[in-house]
Amino acid sequence: MSNPYIKFEHTPLWAVINKGIEDLVENNDIEETTRREYIVGYLCKVIMEYETANK
């Protein structure tokens, strides 16, 4: 199955969220049980929907 959030990859938003999750994992603050691209992609989607709805 292809990544449904591929349109967000290579965006500044993706990079920031990915870095934040990476930091949390390295600090043992969270444990990933889902593939990273799905976590980051979903958060990108939610943020973009929020921004669109609040313009």
N, C-alpha and C. Protein backbone atom coordinates (compact mmCIF):
# COMPACT_ATOMS: atom_id res chain seq x y z
N MET A 1 0.85 -1.18 0.00
CA MET A 1 0.00 0.00 0.00
C MET A 1 0.89 1.24 0.00
N SER A 2 0.56 2.20 -0.85
CA SER A 2 1.35 3.42 -0.90
C SER A 2 0.96 4.36 0.23
N ASN A 3 1.87 5.24 0.53
CA ASN A 3 1.67 6.21 1.60
C ASN A 3 0.61 7.24 1.17
N PRO A 4 -0.52 7.34 1.86
CA PRO A 4 -1.57 8.27 1.46
C PRO A 4 -1.20 9.73 1.73
N TYR A 5 -0.11 9.96 2.42
CA TYR A 5 0.28 11.32 2.78
C TYR A 5 1.49 11.80 1.99
N ILE A 6 1.77 11.15 0.86
CA ILE A 6 2.97 11.45 0.09
C ILE A 6 3.03 12.91 -0.36
N LYS A 7 1.87 13.54 -0.53
CA LYS A 7 1.85 14.93 -0.99
C LYS A 7 2.47 15.89 0.03
N PHE A 8 2.58 15.45 1.28
CA PHE A 8 3.17 16.31 2.30
C PHE A 8 4.68 16.11 2.45
N GLU A 9 5.19 15.01 1.91
CA GLU A 9 6.62 14.76 2.02
C GLU A 9 7.39 15.87 1.31
N HIS A 10 8.57 16.16 1.79
CA HIS A 10 9.44 17.19 1.21
C HIS A 10 8.88 18.60 1.40
N THR A 11 8.01 18.78 2.40
CA THR A 11 7.53 20.12 2.73
C THR A 11 8.17 20.55 4.05
N PRO A 12 8.24 21.85 4.28
CA PRO A 12 8.78 22.32 5.56
C PRO A 12 7.99 21.79 6.76
N LEU A 13 6.67 21.70 6.62
CA LEU A 13 5.83 21.18 7.70
C LEU A 13 6.23 19.75 8.05
N TRP A 14 6.42 18.91 7.03
CA TRP A 14 6.83 17.52 7.23
C TRP A 14 8.14 17.47 8.00
N ALA A 15 9.10 18.29 7.58
CA ALA A 15 10.42 18.29 8.20
C ALA A 15 10.35 18.65 9.68
N VAL A 16 9.54 19.64 10.01
CA VAL A 16 9.42 20.08 11.41
C VAL A 16 8.76 19.01 12.26
N ILE A 17 7.67 18.44 11.78
CA ILE A 17 6.97 17.40 12.55
C ILE A 17 7.85 16.17 12.70
N ASN A 18 8.51 15.77 11.63
CA ASN A 18 9.39 14.61 11.68
C ASN A 18 10.50 14.82 12.72
N LYS A 19 11.09 16.00 12.73
CA LYS A 19 12.15 16.31 13.70
C LYS A 19 11.61 16.24 15.12
N GLY A 20 10.44 16.78 15.36
CA GLY A 20 9.84 16.74 16.68
C GLY A 20 9.59 15.32 17.16
N ILE A 21 9.07 14.49 16.28
CA ILE A 21 8.83 13.08 16.64
C ILE A 21 10.15 12.37 16.87
N GLU A 22 11.12 12.63 16.02
CA GLU A 22 12.44 12.03 16.19
C GLU A 22 13.02 12.37 17.57
N ASP A 23 12.92 13.63 17.97
CA ASP A 23 13.41 14.04 19.29
C ASP A 23 12.69 13.32 20.42
N LEU A 24 11.36 13.21 20.30
CA LEU A 24 10.58 12.53 21.34
C LEU A 24 10.94 11.06 21.45
N VAL A 25 11.17 10.41 20.32
CA VAL A 25 11.56 9.00 20.33
C VAL A 25 12.95 8.84 20.95
N GLU A 26 13.88 9.69 20.55
CA GLU A 26 15.24 9.60 21.09
C GLU A 26 15.28 9.84 22.59
N ASN A 27 14.40 10.70 23.09
CA ASN A 27 14.34 10.99 24.53
C ASN A 27 13.50 9.97 25.30
N ASN A 28 13.00 8.96 24.59
CA ASN A 28 12.13 7.94 25.18
C ASN A 28 10.85 8.53 25.76
N ASP A 29 10.38 9.62 25.15
CA ASP A 29 9.11 10.22 25.58
C ASP A 29 7.93 9.54 24.91
N ILE A 30 8.15 9.02 23.71
CA ILE A 30 7.11 8.25 23.02
C ILE A 30 7.74 7.04 22.36
N GLU A 31 6.90 6.05 22.07
CA GLU A 31 7.32 4.87 21.34
C GLU A 31 6.43 4.73 20.12
N GLU A 32 7.03 4.63 18.96
CA GLU A 32 6.27 4.51 17.72
C GLU A 32 5.81 3.08 17.51
N THR A 33 4.53 2.92 17.26
CA THR A 33 4.00 1.60 16.91
C THR A 33 3.42 1.61 15.50
N THR A 34 3.49 2.75 14.86
CA THR A 34 3.03 2.94 13.49
C THR A 34 4.18 3.50 12.69
N ARG A 35 4.22 3.19 11.40
CA ARG A 35 5.30 3.71 10.57
C ARG A 35 5.34 5.22 10.63
N ARG A 36 6.56 5.76 10.68
CA ARG A 36 6.77 7.20 10.85
C ARG A 36 6.04 8.02 9.79
N GLU A 37 6.07 7.59 8.54
CA GLU A 37 5.44 8.40 7.50
C GLU A 37 3.93 8.54 7.69
N TYR A 38 3.31 7.57 8.35
CA TYR A 38 1.89 7.67 8.64
C TYR A 38 1.63 8.64 9.80
N ILE A 39 2.49 8.64 10.77
CA ILE A 39 2.35 9.56 11.90
C ILE A 39 2.55 11.00 11.42
N VAL A 40 3.65 11.24 10.74
CA VAL A 40 3.96 12.59 10.27
C VAL A 40 2.91 13.04 9.26
N GLY A 41 2.57 12.19 8.34
CA GLY A 41 1.59 12.53 7.31
C GLY A 41 0.24 12.89 7.89
N TYR A 42 -0.22 12.12 8.86
CA TYR A 42 -1.51 12.40 9.48
C TYR A 42 -1.49 13.76 10.18
N LEU A 43 -0.42 14.04 10.91
CA LEU A 43 -0.32 15.33 11.60
C LEU A 43 -0.26 16.48 10.60
N CYS A 44 0.44 16.31 9.50
CA CYS A 44 0.45 17.32 8.44
C CYS A 44 -0.96 17.56 7.92
N LYS A 45 -1.69 16.49 7.66
CA LYS A 45 -3.05 16.58 7.15
C LYS A 45 -3.95 17.34 8.12
N VAL A 46 -3.87 17.01 9.39
CA VAL A 46 -4.70 17.67 10.40
C VAL A 46 -4.39 19.16 10.47
N ILE A 47 -3.11 19.50 10.46
CA ILE A 47 -2.71 20.91 10.53
C ILE A 47 -3.20 21.65 9.29
N MET A 48 -3.02 21.07 8.12
CA MET A 48 -3.46 21.73 6.89
C MET A 48 -4.98 21.92 6.85
N GLU A 49 -5.72 20.93 7.32
CA GLU A 49 -7.18 21.05 7.37
C GLU A 49 -7.59 22.15 8.34
N TYR A 50 -6.92 22.23 9.46
CA TYR A 50 -7.20 23.26 10.46
C TYR A 50 -6.94 24.65 9.88
N GLU A 51 -5.78 24.80 9.23
CA GLU A 51 -5.43 26.09 8.65
C GLU A 51 -6.42 26.49 7.56
N THR A 52 -6.84 25.55 6.75
CA THR A 52 -7.81 25.83 5.68
C THR A 52 -9.16 26.24 6.26
N ALA A 53 -9.58 25.57 7.30
CA ALA A 53 -10.89 25.86 7.90
C ALA A 53 -10.89 27.19 8.65
N ASN A 54 -9.74 27.67 9.06
CA ASN A 54 -9.67 28.88 9.87
C ASN A 54 -9.11 30.08 9.11
N LYS A 55 -9.24 30.08 7.80
CA LYS A 55 -8.79 31.23 7.00
C LYS A 55 -9.90 32.22 6.86
